[in-house]
Amino acid sequence: MPYSPDIIEELEILSMFDLSSTQAGIKIHKTAMKTEIDAAKRLHKKGLVTQADGGYLTTLGLEAAEHAETLCRILQAEKST
């Protein structure tokens, strides 16, 4: 199953959150790119963030962001053979 552009955009939004603190939120301003605004709205509709323009990660959102970060680290790691 290939990643759709929408999924990639949502992953980009999730990567903006500081996972070291649950008290750190984000704000997608109305001057942001339309793709970012739409991705934040989709994440809110899916219950991953508290506000349509970002806000804070929900419990499910935190889990998704942590998995996304782990996947990114794995994919960026150089093969050690």
Protein backbone atom coordinates (compact mmCIF):
# COMPACT_ATOMS: atom_id res chain seq x y z
CA MET A 1 0.00 0.00 0.00
CA PRO A 2 1.74 3.18 -1.15
CA TYR A 3 1.56 6.32 0.95
CA SER A 4 -0.84 8.88 -0.48
CA PRO A 5 0.13 12.56 -0.61
CA ASP A 6 -2.43 13.20 2.17
CA ILE A 7 -0.72 10.68 4.48
CA ILE A 8 2.70 12.20 3.78
CA GLU A 9 1.33 15.68 4.57
CA GLU A 10 -0.19 14.41 7.83
CA LEU A 11 3.12 12.79 8.78
CA GLU A 12 4.82 16.13 8.15
CA ILE A 13 2.41 17.83 10.57
CA LEU A 14 2.94 15.12 13.19
CA SER A 15 6.70 15.62 12.87
CA MET A 16 6.31 19.26 13.92
CA PHE A 17 5.36 18.27 17.48
CA ASP A 18 8.00 18.18 20.20
CA LEU A 19 7.61 14.68 21.59
CA SER A 20 9.71 15.43 24.66
CA SER A 21 6.79 17.33 26.24
CA THR A 22 3.05 16.77 26.09
CA GLN A 23 2.68 20.48 26.91
CA ALA A 24 4.15 21.56 23.55
CA GLY A 25 1.54 22.19 20.88
CA ILE A 26 1.63 23.71 17.42
CA LYS A 27 -0.43 26.28 15.56
CA ILE A 28 -0.98 26.08 11.81
CA HIS A 29 -1.64 29.69 10.86
CA LYS A 30 -4.13 30.70 8.19
CA THR A 31 -1.16 31.94 6.13
CA ALA A 32 0.34 28.41 6.02
CA MET A 33 0.25 26.38 2.85
CA LYS A 34 -3.19 24.98 2.05
CA THR A 35 -1.80 21.44 2.21
CA GLU A 36 -0.64 22.03 5.82
CA ILE A 37 -3.98 23.54 6.83
CA ASP A 38 -5.88 20.66 5.26
CA ALA A 39 -3.58 18.04 6.83
CA ALA A 40 -4.10 19.54 10.30
CA LYS A 41 -7.86 19.47 9.77
CA ARG A 42 -7.71 15.80 8.75
CA LEU A 43 -5.61 14.95 11.82
CA HIS A 44 -8.19 16.69 14.02
CA LYS A 45 -11.04 14.84 12.34
CA LYS A 46 -9.18 11.56 12.97
CA GLY A 47 -8.76 12.46 16.65
CA LEU A 48 -4.97 12.83 16.58
CA VAL A 49 -4.82 16.53 17.49
CA THR A 50 -7.03 18.63 19.75
CA GLN A 51 -7.71 21.51 17.34
CA ALA A 52 -8.35 21.82 13.61
CA ASP A 53 -5.34 24.16 13.40
CA GLY A 54 -3.03 21.96 15.46
CA GLY A 55 -3.28 22.32 19.20
CA TYR A 56 -1.90 19.38 21.16
CA LEU A 57 -1.50 15.73 20.38
CA THR A 58 -4.17 13.45 21.77
CA THR A 59 -3.11 10.14 23.31
CA LEU A 60 -3.64 8.47 19.93
CA GLY A 61 -1.82 11.32 18.20
CA LEU A 62 1.16 10.97 20.51
CA GLU A 63 1.35 7.27 19.74
CA ALA A 64 1.13 7.94 16.00
CA ALA A 65 3.80 10.67 16.17
CA GLU A 66 6.13 8.40 18.14
CA HIS A 67 5.71 5.60 15.60
CA ALA A 68 6.26 8.04 12.74
CA GLU A 69 9.45 9.33 14.37
CA THR A 70 10.72 5.79 14.88
CA LEU A 71 9.99 4.87 11.27
CA CYS A 72 11.80 7.97 10.04
CA ARG A 73 14.86 7.13 12.17
CA ILE A 74 14.91 3.56 10.84
CA LEU A 75 14.62 4.69 7.23
CA GLN A 76 17.33 7.32 7.64
CA ALA A 77 19.80 4.99 9.35
CA GLU A 78 22.73 3.89 7.28
CA LYS A 79 23.06 0.19 6.75
CA SER A 80 25.93 -1.16 8.86
CA THR A 81 27.25 -4.01 6.71
